[in-house]
N, C-alpha and C. Protein backbone atom coordinates (compact mmCIF):
# COMPACT_ATOMS: atom_id res chain seq x y z
N UNK A 1 -36.90 -33.57 10.17
CA UNK A 1 -38.20 -33.58 10.49
C UNK A 1 -38.48 -34.29 11.88
N UNK A 2 -39.26 -33.76 12.72
CA UNK A 2 -39.53 -34.34 13.95
C UNK A 2 -40.98 -34.85 14.00
N UNK A 3 -41.02 -35.96 14.84
CA UNK A 3 -42.40 -36.40 14.95
C UNK A 3 -42.99 -36.06 16.35
N UNK A 4 -44.21 -35.70 16.35
CA UNK A 4 -44.89 -35.25 17.64
C UNK A 4 -45.52 -36.58 18.25
N UNK A 5 -45.46 -36.60 19.53
CA UNK A 5 -46.09 -37.74 20.20
C UNK A 5 -47.23 -37.12 21.06
N UNK A 6 -48.28 -37.83 21.19
CA UNK A 6 -49.43 -37.42 21.95
C UNK A 6 -49.40 -38.10 23.30
N UNK A 7 -49.43 -37.31 24.26
CA UNK A 7 -49.31 -37.88 25.62
C UNK A 7 -50.77 -38.37 25.95
N UNK A 8 -50.87 -39.60 26.61
CA UNK A 8 -52.10 -40.09 26.99
C UNK A 8 -52.37 -39.39 28.40
N UNK A 9 -53.77 -39.03 28.62
CA UNK A 9 -54.03 -38.40 29.80
C UNK A 9 -53.85 -39.32 31.00
N UNK A 10 -53.41 -38.71 32.02
CA UNK A 10 -53.14 -39.50 33.25
C UNK A 10 -54.36 -39.78 34.03
N UNK A 11 -54.61 -40.94 34.44
CA UNK A 11 -55.73 -41.33 35.22
C UNK A 11 -55.29 -41.80 36.67
N UNK A 12 -56.13 -41.57 37.60
CA UNK A 12 -55.88 -41.98 38.90
C UNK A 12 -55.74 -43.54 38.99
N UNK A 13 -54.58 -44.03 39.58
CA UNK A 13 -54.55 -45.46 39.66
C UNK A 13 -55.77 -46.21 40.35
N UNK A 14 -56.01 -47.47 39.69
CA UNK A 14 -57.25 -48.02 40.06
C UNK A 14 -57.22 -48.42 41.58
N UNK A 15 -56.11 -48.73 42.20
CA UNK A 15 -56.16 -49.00 43.57
C UNK A 15 -56.44 -47.90 44.34
N UNK A 16 -55.93 -46.73 44.00
CA UNK A 16 -56.28 -45.52 44.82
C UNK A 16 -57.84 -45.16 44.75
N UNK A 17 -58.20 -45.36 43.51
CA UNK A 17 -59.71 -45.01 43.30
C UNK A 17 -60.58 -45.93 44.10
N UNK A 18 -60.17 -47.23 44.11
CA UNK A 18 -60.98 -48.21 44.92
C UNK A 18 -60.84 -47.93 46.39
N UNK A 19 -59.66 -47.57 46.89
CA UNK A 19 -59.54 -47.35 48.28
C UNK A 19 -60.31 -46.02 48.73
N UNK A 20 -60.20 -44.90 47.92
CA UNK A 20 -60.92 -43.80 48.22
C UNK A 20 -62.44 -43.87 48.10
N UNK A 21 -62.88 -44.66 46.97
CA UNK A 21 -64.29 -44.89 46.97
C UNK A 21 -64.79 -45.79 48.03
N UNK A 22 -64.06 -46.77 48.33
CA UNK A 22 -64.61 -47.72 49.52
C UNK A 22 -64.65 -46.99 50.74
N UNK A 23 -63.61 -46.15 51.06
CA UNK A 23 -63.70 -45.43 52.33
C UNK A 23 -64.84 -44.46 52.31
N UNK A 24 -65.25 -43.80 51.20
CA UNK A 24 -66.32 -42.86 51.18
C UNK A 24 -67.70 -43.65 51.40
N UNK A 25 -67.73 -44.75 50.89
CA UNK A 25 -69.02 -45.55 50.96
C UNK A 25 -69.18 -46.03 52.47
N UNK A 26 -68.02 -46.52 52.99
CA UNK A 26 -68.06 -47.06 54.46
C UNK A 26 -68.43 -45.77 55.36
N UNK A 27 -67.81 -44.74 55.13
CA UNK A 27 -67.95 -43.50 55.93
C UNK A 27 -69.49 -43.12 55.82
N UNK A 28 -70.03 -43.14 54.53
CA UNK A 28 -71.49 -42.70 54.44
C UNK A 28 -72.39 -43.66 54.94
N UNK A 29 -72.20 -45.03 54.93
CA UNK A 29 -73.01 -45.95 55.57
C UNK A 29 -72.98 -45.73 57.11
N UNK A 30 -71.80 -45.53 57.75
CA UNK A 30 -71.66 -45.36 59.05
C UNK A 30 -72.38 -44.10 59.57
N UNK A 31 -72.29 -43.05 58.72
CA UNK A 31 -73.04 -41.85 58.99
C UNK A 31 -74.49 -41.99 59.04
N UNK A 32 -75.04 -42.73 58.00
CA UNK A 32 -76.39 -43.00 57.84
C UNK A 32 -76.91 -43.82 59.14
N UNK A 33 -76.13 -44.87 59.44
CA UNK A 33 -76.56 -45.69 60.57
C UNK A 33 -76.62 -44.85 61.92
N UNK A 34 -75.52 -44.21 62.21
CA UNK A 34 -75.50 -43.51 63.41
C UNK A 34 -76.45 -42.29 63.48
N UNK A 35 -76.56 -41.51 62.39
CA UNK A 35 -77.48 -40.47 62.42
C UNK A 35 -78.93 -40.93 62.43
N UNK A 36 -79.24 -42.00 61.66
CA UNK A 36 -80.54 -42.53 61.77
C UNK A 36 -80.98 -43.20 63.18
N UNK A 37 -80.00 -43.70 63.80
CA UNK A 37 -80.20 -44.24 65.03
C UNK A 37 -80.44 -43.17 66.14
N UNK A 38 -79.81 -41.99 65.99
CA UNK A 38 -80.08 -40.93 66.92
C UNK A 38 -81.37 -40.23 66.52
N UNK A 39 -81.66 -40.08 65.22
CA UNK A 39 -82.96 -39.40 64.85
C UNK A 39 -84.16 -40.24 65.19
N UNK A 40 -84.08 -41.58 64.94
CA UNK A 40 -85.37 -42.36 65.00
C UNK A 40 -85.16 -43.45 66.05
N UNK A 41 -84.18 -43.41 66.92
CA UNK A 41 -83.84 -44.51 67.83
C UNK A 41 -84.73 -44.35 69.09
N UNK A 42 -85.37 -43.26 69.35
CA UNK A 42 -86.17 -43.07 70.42
C UNK A 42 -85.39 -42.28 71.50
N UNK A 43 -86.05 -42.04 72.68
CA UNK A 43 -85.51 -41.24 73.67
C UNK A 43 -84.13 -41.79 74.22
N UNK A 44 -83.99 -43.10 74.38
CA UNK A 44 -82.80 -43.71 74.81
C UNK A 44 -81.52 -43.33 73.98
N UNK A 45 -81.72 -43.42 72.72
CA UNK A 45 -80.63 -43.09 71.71
C UNK A 45 -80.22 -41.63 71.78
N UNK A 46 -81.35 -40.81 71.94
CA UNK A 46 -81.00 -39.38 72.12
C UNK A 46 -80.30 -39.01 73.37
N UNK A 47 -80.73 -39.60 74.35
CA UNK A 47 -80.05 -39.32 75.70
C UNK A 47 -78.56 -39.86 75.65
N UNK A 48 -78.28 -41.01 74.92
CA UNK A 48 -76.95 -41.57 74.87
C UNK A 48 -76.14 -40.59 73.98
N UNK A 49 -76.73 -39.98 72.98
CA UNK A 49 -75.97 -39.11 72.13
C UNK A 49 -75.50 -37.85 72.73
N UNK A 50 -76.15 -37.43 73.80
CA UNK A 50 -75.85 -36.19 74.50
C UNK A 50 -76.56 -35.01 73.92
N UNK A 51 -75.79 -33.81 74.08
CA UNK A 51 -76.47 -32.53 73.52
C UNK A 51 -76.00 -32.54 72.00
N UNK A 52 -77.10 -32.47 71.23
CA UNK A 52 -76.86 -32.48 69.76
C UNK A 52 -77.79 -31.34 69.22
N UNK A 53 -77.32 -30.65 68.18
CA UNK A 53 -78.12 -29.70 67.52
C UNK A 53 -78.89 -30.39 66.40
N UNK A 54 -80.21 -30.37 66.43
CA UNK A 54 -81.08 -31.16 65.54
C UNK A 54 -80.82 -30.90 64.09
N UNK A 55 -80.47 -29.55 63.79
CA UNK A 55 -80.31 -29.25 62.28
C UNK A 55 -79.05 -29.82 61.79
N UNK A 56 -77.98 -29.80 62.63
CA UNK A 56 -76.72 -30.34 62.23
C UNK A 56 -76.83 -31.80 62.12
N UNK A 57 -77.55 -32.44 62.93
CA UNK A 57 -77.77 -33.96 63.04
C UNK A 57 -78.45 -34.35 61.72
N UNK A 58 -79.55 -33.53 61.34
CA UNK A 58 -80.25 -33.93 60.08
C UNK A 58 -79.43 -33.68 58.79
N UNK A 59 -78.61 -32.51 58.87
CA UNK A 59 -77.80 -32.24 57.79
C UNK A 59 -76.81 -33.36 57.59
N UNK A 60 -76.15 -33.73 58.66
CA UNK A 60 -75.10 -34.94 58.52
C UNK A 60 -75.73 -36.23 58.02
N UNK A 61 -76.93 -36.42 58.46
CA UNK A 61 -77.62 -37.61 58.00
C UNK A 61 -77.94 -37.58 56.50
N UNK A 62 -78.32 -36.38 55.94
CA UNK A 62 -78.59 -36.21 54.53
C UNK A 62 -77.20 -36.30 53.80
N UNK A 63 -76.11 -35.74 54.50
CA UNK A 63 -74.75 -35.81 53.68
C UNK A 63 -74.33 -37.23 53.61
N UNK A 64 -74.83 -38.19 54.37
CA UNK A 64 -74.39 -39.61 54.36
C UNK A 64 -74.84 -40.14 52.97
N UNK A 65 -75.93 -39.72 52.46
CA UNK A 65 -76.36 -40.18 51.13
C UNK A 65 -75.38 -39.63 50.03
N UNK A 66 -74.94 -38.33 50.25
CA UNK A 66 -73.98 -37.84 49.30
C UNK A 66 -72.58 -38.50 49.33
N UNK A 67 -72.20 -38.96 50.58
CA UNK A 67 -71.01 -39.75 50.76
C UNK A 67 -71.08 -41.10 49.97
N UNK A 68 -72.22 -41.67 50.17
CA UNK A 68 -72.41 -42.97 49.49
C UNK A 68 -72.34 -42.86 47.99
N UNK A 69 -73.07 -41.85 47.42
CA UNK A 69 -73.23 -41.62 46.09
C UNK A 69 -71.88 -41.22 45.46
N UNK A 70 -71.08 -40.32 46.09
CA UNK A 70 -69.78 -39.91 45.68
C UNK A 70 -68.94 -41.17 45.73
N UNK A 71 -69.03 -41.97 46.67
CA UNK A 71 -68.17 -43.20 46.80
C UNK A 71 -68.36 -44.20 45.70
N UNK A 72 -69.67 -44.32 45.38
CA UNK A 72 -70.06 -45.24 44.34
C UNK A 72 -69.54 -44.61 42.85
N UNK A 73 -69.73 -43.34 42.76
CA UNK A 73 -69.27 -42.74 41.58
C UNK A 73 -67.76 -42.87 41.36
N UNK A 74 -67.04 -42.74 42.52
CA UNK A 74 -65.62 -42.91 42.43
C UNK A 74 -65.18 -44.38 42.10
N UNK A 75 -65.90 -45.32 42.74
CA UNK A 75 -65.62 -46.75 42.50
C UNK A 75 -65.85 -47.07 40.98
N UNK A 76 -66.86 -46.43 40.38
CA UNK A 76 -67.28 -46.75 38.99
C UNK A 76 -66.53 -45.83 37.97
N UNK A 77 -65.67 -44.89 38.56
CA UNK A 77 -64.82 -44.05 37.73
C UNK A 77 -65.67 -43.02 36.91
N UNK A 78 -66.76 -42.61 37.55
CA UNK A 78 -67.68 -41.52 36.96
C UNK A 78 -67.17 -40.19 37.37
N UNK A 79 -67.34 -39.21 36.51
CA UNK A 79 -67.06 -37.80 36.83
C UNK A 79 -68.40 -37.08 37.04
N UNK A 80 -68.17 -35.93 37.75
CA UNK A 80 -69.46 -35.20 37.97
C UNK A 80 -69.40 -33.88 37.11
N UNK A 81 -68.32 -33.48 36.49
CA UNK A 81 -68.29 -32.14 35.83
C UNK A 81 -68.92 -32.08 34.46
N UNK A 82 -69.06 -33.25 33.71
CA UNK A 82 -69.48 -33.14 32.29
C UNK A 82 -70.85 -32.57 32.18
N UNK A 83 -71.87 -32.95 32.99
CA UNK A 83 -73.16 -32.42 32.75
C UNK A 83 -73.28 -30.94 33.14
N UNK A 84 -72.50 -30.58 34.16
CA UNK A 84 -72.58 -29.09 34.54
C UNK A 84 -71.91 -28.27 33.45
N UNK A 85 -70.74 -28.71 32.95
CA UNK A 85 -70.09 -27.90 31.96
C UNK A 85 -70.93 -27.79 30.69
N UNK A 86 -71.72 -28.94 30.31
CA UNK A 86 -72.40 -28.79 29.16
C UNK A 86 -73.61 -27.92 29.19
N UNK A 87 -74.28 -27.92 30.40
CA UNK A 87 -75.40 -27.12 30.66
C UNK A 87 -75.13 -25.71 30.88
N UNK A 88 -73.95 -25.50 31.38
CA UNK A 88 -73.46 -24.04 31.70
C UNK A 88 -73.13 -23.34 30.41
N UNK A 89 -72.82 -23.99 29.34
CA UNK A 89 -72.48 -23.43 28.12
C UNK A 89 -73.74 -22.66 27.47
N UNK A 90 -74.84 -23.02 27.77
CA UNK A 90 -76.08 -22.44 27.23
C UNK A 90 -76.82 -21.45 28.22
N UNK A 91 -76.43 -21.53 29.49
CA UNK A 91 -77.17 -20.72 30.56
C UNK A 91 -76.19 -19.91 31.27
N UNK A 92 -76.51 -18.61 31.35
CA UNK A 92 -75.62 -17.75 32.19
C UNK A 92 -76.49 -17.17 33.22
N UNK A 93 -76.06 -17.26 34.46
CA UNK A 93 -76.73 -16.77 35.64
C UNK A 93 -75.98 -15.57 36.25
N UNK A 94 -76.64 -14.49 36.75
CA UNK A 94 -75.94 -13.49 37.45
C UNK A 94 -76.79 -12.96 38.63
N UNK A 95 -76.15 -12.18 39.46
CA UNK A 95 -76.82 -11.59 40.64
C UNK A 95 -76.51 -10.18 40.72
N UNK A 96 -77.44 -9.37 40.90
CA UNK A 96 -77.28 -7.93 41.05
C UNK A 96 -78.27 -7.36 42.12
N UNK A 97 -77.87 -6.19 42.65
CA UNK A 97 -78.86 -5.59 43.62
C UNK A 97 -80.10 -5.07 42.96
N UNK A 98 -80.02 -4.73 41.68
CA UNK A 98 -81.16 -4.19 41.09
C UNK A 98 -82.11 -5.24 40.60
N UNK A 99 -81.66 -6.37 39.92
CA UNK A 99 -82.51 -7.27 39.41
C UNK A 99 -82.59 -8.59 40.10
N UNK A 100 -81.77 -8.72 41.16
CA UNK A 100 -81.85 -9.84 41.91
C UNK A 100 -80.98 -11.04 41.20
N UNK A 101 -81.38 -12.25 41.44
CA UNK A 101 -80.83 -13.42 40.74
C UNK A 101 -81.54 -13.80 39.51
N UNK A 102 -80.90 -13.68 38.33
CA UNK A 102 -81.56 -13.97 37.15
C UNK A 102 -80.72 -14.92 36.24
N UNK A 103 -81.40 -15.73 35.50
CA UNK A 103 -80.69 -16.65 34.45
C UNK A 103 -81.32 -16.35 33.14
N UNK A 104 -80.35 -16.29 32.19
CA UNK A 104 -80.79 -16.12 30.74
C UNK A 104 -80.12 -17.13 29.88
N UNK A 105 -80.82 -17.44 28.78
CA UNK A 105 -80.26 -18.41 27.88
C UNK A 105 -79.39 -17.71 26.88
N UNK A 106 -78.13 -18.24 26.87
CA UNK A 106 -77.13 -17.70 25.96
C UNK A 106 -77.13 -18.42 24.70
N UNK A 107 -76.96 -17.74 23.57
CA UNK A 107 -76.98 -18.36 22.24
C UNK A 107 -75.55 -18.59 21.88
N UNK A 108 -75.09 -19.74 21.56
CA UNK A 108 -73.76 -20.00 21.19
C UNK A 108 -73.35 -19.26 19.94
N UNK A 109 -72.15 -18.65 20.00
CA UNK A 109 -71.76 -17.88 18.84
C UNK A 109 -71.31 -18.81 17.75
N UNK A 110 -71.50 -18.33 16.49
CA UNK A 110 -71.06 -19.18 15.30
C UNK A 110 -69.83 -18.61 14.90
N UNK A 111 -68.87 -19.47 14.56
CA UNK A 111 -67.55 -19.09 14.04
C UNK A 111 -67.64 -18.59 12.66
N UNK A 112 -66.84 -17.61 12.29
CA UNK A 112 -66.79 -17.28 10.88
C UNK A 112 -67.60 -16.04 10.51
N UNK A 113 -68.34 -15.51 11.42
CA UNK A 113 -69.12 -14.30 11.14
C UNK A 113 -68.60 -13.12 11.79
């Protein structure tokens, strides 16, 4: 008779998680500071930045918040998938030329019927 062993799930080492999370937070803060300085720093800051595309500058400034949020989530060991997977179990979305983009509520199937 053989005994089965259950393997424990591997997790990212704490040092690597802290390094990646810290780098993401630092990069996000730097993005927010520099982008905010060019956006609201006045004409001198815009002249110093050179030729910039305003939409790209605003998008990068907004992405700075996502970098900080992602870095903090990494530092705390939080995942992003759980809420999406749970919600997608009940809602199905599709796109077609005839009906456009539609979402419908899917009813979970019961086993045994």
